[in-house]
Amino acid sequence: ALVTAVVAAMVLAGCSTYEGATRSNEYTSAANPAAVYCVQQGGELDTVTENGERVTYCLLSENERVEQWEYYRKNHKEDAES
């Protein structure tokens, strides 16, 4: 019953439509790879609404902010030997 309640709460939280900016440096195993990579590299996630769409940036320093997927594609290299 507790597991069901936790899952239900997670589903409802995922459906929220909060329009403000949020920042997080935590992630779960179900997070997208770009977000995980950003945090693993010491970055911080910054999700904002731009032109009615949610965009997540990887904040690498006070002066460097890159869209998370752009940062991931540019810097993450798959281990070719695995």
C-alpha atoms as a PDB file:
ATOM      1  CA  ALA A   1       0.000   0.000   0.000  1.00  0.00           C
ATOM      2  CA  LEU A   2       2.870   2.356   0.788  1.00  0.00           C
ATOM      3  CA  VAL A   3       4.521   1.643  -2.563  1.00  0.00           C
ATOM      4  CA  THR A   4       1.238   2.357  -4.355  1.00  0.00           C
ATOM      5  CA  ALA A   5       0.867   5.659  -2.506  1.00  0.00           C
ATOM      6  CA  VAL A   6       4.437   6.683  -3.354  1.00  0.00           C
ATOM      7  CA  VAL A   7       3.988   5.771  -7.029  1.00  0.00           C
ATOM      8  CA  ALA A   8       0.677   7.664  -7.166  1.00  0.00           C
ATOM      9  CA  ALA A   9       2.299  10.735  -5.605  1.00  0.00           C
ATOM     10  CA  MET A  10       5.155  10.586  -8.120  1.00  0.00           C
ATOM     11  CA  VAL A  11       2.728  10.334 -11.037  1.00  0.00           C
ATOM     12  CA  LEU A  12       0.714  13.299  -9.786  1.00  0.00           C
ATOM     13  CA  ALA A  13       3.842  15.348  -9.167  1.00  0.00           C
ATOM     14  CA  GLY A  14       5.020  14.596 -12.698  1.00  0.00           C
ATOM     15  CA  CYS A  15       1.777  15.961 -14.103  1.00  0.00           C
ATOM     16  CA  SER A  16       2.048  19.345 -12.416  1.00  0.00           C
ATOM     17  CA  THR A  17       2.269  22.421 -14.628  1.00  0.00           C
ATOM     18  CA  TYR A  18       4.458  24.720 -12.542  1.00  0.00           C
ATOM     19  CA  GLU A  19       5.447  27.671 -14.727  1.00  0.00           C
ATOM     20  CA  GLY A  20       8.284  29.067 -12.586  1.00  0.00           C
ATOM     21  CA  ALA A  21      11.964  28.380 -12.927  1.00  0.00           C
ATOM     22  CA  THR A  22      13.356  25.490 -10.917  1.00  0.00           C
ATOM     23  CA  ARG A  23      16.876  24.348 -10.194  1.00  0.00           C
ATOM     24  CA  SER A  24      18.040  20.945  -9.113  1.00  0.00           C
ATOM     25  CA  ASN A  25      21.292  19.087  -8.830  1.00  0.00           C
ATOM     26  CA  GLU A  26      19.653  15.801  -7.896  1.00  0.00           C
ATOM     27  CA  TYR A  27      18.460  13.114 -10.272  1.00  0.00           C
ATOM     28  CA  THR A  28      16.973   9.646 -10.196  1.00  0.00           C
ATOM     29  CA  SER A  29      17.838   6.528 -12.149  1.00  0.00           C
ATOM     30  CA  ALA A  30      14.927   7.302 -14.491  1.00  0.00           C
ATOM     31  CA  ALA A  31      16.243  10.787 -15.358  1.00  0.00           C
ATOM     32  CA  ASN A  32      17.198  11.615 -18.903  1.00  0.00           C
ATOM     33  CA  PRO A  33      20.837  11.021 -19.827  1.00  0.00           C
ATOM     34  CA  ALA A  34      21.534  14.685 -20.642  1.00  0.00           C
ATOM     35  CA  ALA A  35      20.437  15.793 -17.170  1.00  0.00           C
ATOM     36  CA  VAL A  36      22.432  13.036 -15.486  1.00  0.00           C
ATOM     37  CA  TYR A  37      25.543  13.879 -17.513  1.00  0.00           C
ATOM     38  CA  CYS A  38      25.258  17.583 -16.673  1.00  0.00           C
ATOM     39  CA  VAL A  39      25.120  16.886 -12.942  1.00  0.00           C
ATOM     40  CA  GLN A  40      27.911  14.304 -13.132  1.00  0.00           C
ATOM     41  CA  GLN A  41      30.136  16.944 -14.744  1.00  0.00           C
ATOM     42  CA  GLY A  42      29.518  19.317 -11.841  1.00  0.00           C
ATOM     43  CA  GLY A  43      26.753  21.304 -13.523  1.00  0.00           C
ATOM     44  CA  GLU A  44      23.399  22.364 -12.148  1.00  0.00           C
ATOM     45  CA  LEU A  45      20.070  22.020 -13.961  1.00  0.00           C
ATOM     46  CA  ASP A  46      18.040  25.166 -14.633  1.00  0.00           C
ATOM     47  CA  THR A  47      14.583  24.603 -16.134  1.00  0.00           C
ATOM     48  CA  VAL A  48      12.796  27.662 -17.504  1.00  0.00           C
ATOM     49  CA  THR A  49       9.825  28.433 -19.736  1.00  0.00           C
ATOM     50  CA  GLU A  50      10.774  30.126 -23.002  1.00  0.00           C
ATOM     51  CA  ASN A  51       8.149  30.948 -25.621  1.00  0.00           C
ATOM     52  CA  GLY A  52       5.670  28.661 -23.859  1.00  0.00           C
ATOM     53  CA  GLU A  53       8.022  25.654 -23.825  1.00  0.00           C
ATOM     54  CA  ARG A  54      10.071  24.147 -20.995  1.00  0.00           C
ATOM     55  CA  VAL A  55      13.823  24.265 -21.623  1.00  0.00           C
ATOM     56  CA  THR A  56      16.477  22.830 -19.312  1.00  0.00           C
ATOM     57  CA  TYR A  57      19.948  24.312 -19.244  1.00  0.00           C
ATOM     58  CA  CYS A  58      23.133  22.943 -17.737  1.00  0.00           C
ATOM     59  CA  LEU A  59      24.743  25.675 -15.629  1.00  0.00           C
ATOM     60  CA  LEU A  60      28.464  25.003 -15.654  1.00  0.00           C
ATOM     61  CA  SER A  61      29.567  28.279 -14.083  1.00  0.00           C
ATOM     62  CA  GLU A  62      28.143  31.739 -13.532  1.00  0.00           C
ATOM     63  CA  ASN A  63      29.062  32.615 -17.114  1.00  0.00           C
ATOM     64  CA  GLU A  64      28.372  29.333 -18.914  1.00  0.00           C
ATOM     65  CA  ARG A  65      24.839  28.063 -19.561  1.00  0.00           C
ATOM     66  CA  VAL A  66      24.217  25.459 -22.280  1.00  0.00           C
ATOM     67  CA  GLU A  67      20.986  23.667 -23.228  1.00  0.00           C
ATOM     68  CA  GLN A  68      21.300  20.221 -21.605  1.00  0.00           C
ATOM     69  CA  TRP A  69      20.963  18.111 -24.778  1.00  0.00           C
ATOM     70  CA  GLU A  70      23.349  20.350 -26.728  1.00  0.00           C
ATOM     71  CA  TYR A  71      25.915  19.969 -23.926  1.00  0.00           C
ATOM     72  CA  TYR A  72      25.382  16.198 -23.823  1.00  0.00           C
ATOM     73  CA  ARG A  73      25.731  15.697 -27.600  1.00  0.00           C
ATOM     74  CA  LYS A  74      28.802  17.932 -27.792  1.00  0.00           C
ATOM     75  CA  ASN A  75      30.688  16.485 -24.815  1.00  0.00           C
ATOM     76  CA  HIS A  76      29.459  12.976 -24.008  1.00  0.00           C
ATOM     77  CA  LYS A  77      31.309  10.228 -25.819  1.00  0.00           C
ATOM     78  CA  GLU A  78      29.966   6.676 -25.654  1.00  0.00           C
ATOM     79  CA  ASP A  79      32.486   4.048 -24.623  1.00  0.00           C
ATOM     80  CA  ALA A  80      33.181   2.491 -28.028  1.00  0.00           C
ATOM     81  CA  GLU A  81      34.669  -0.652 -26.498  1.00  0.00           C
ATOM     82  CA  SER A  82      31.636  -1.740 -24.466  1.00  0.00           C
END
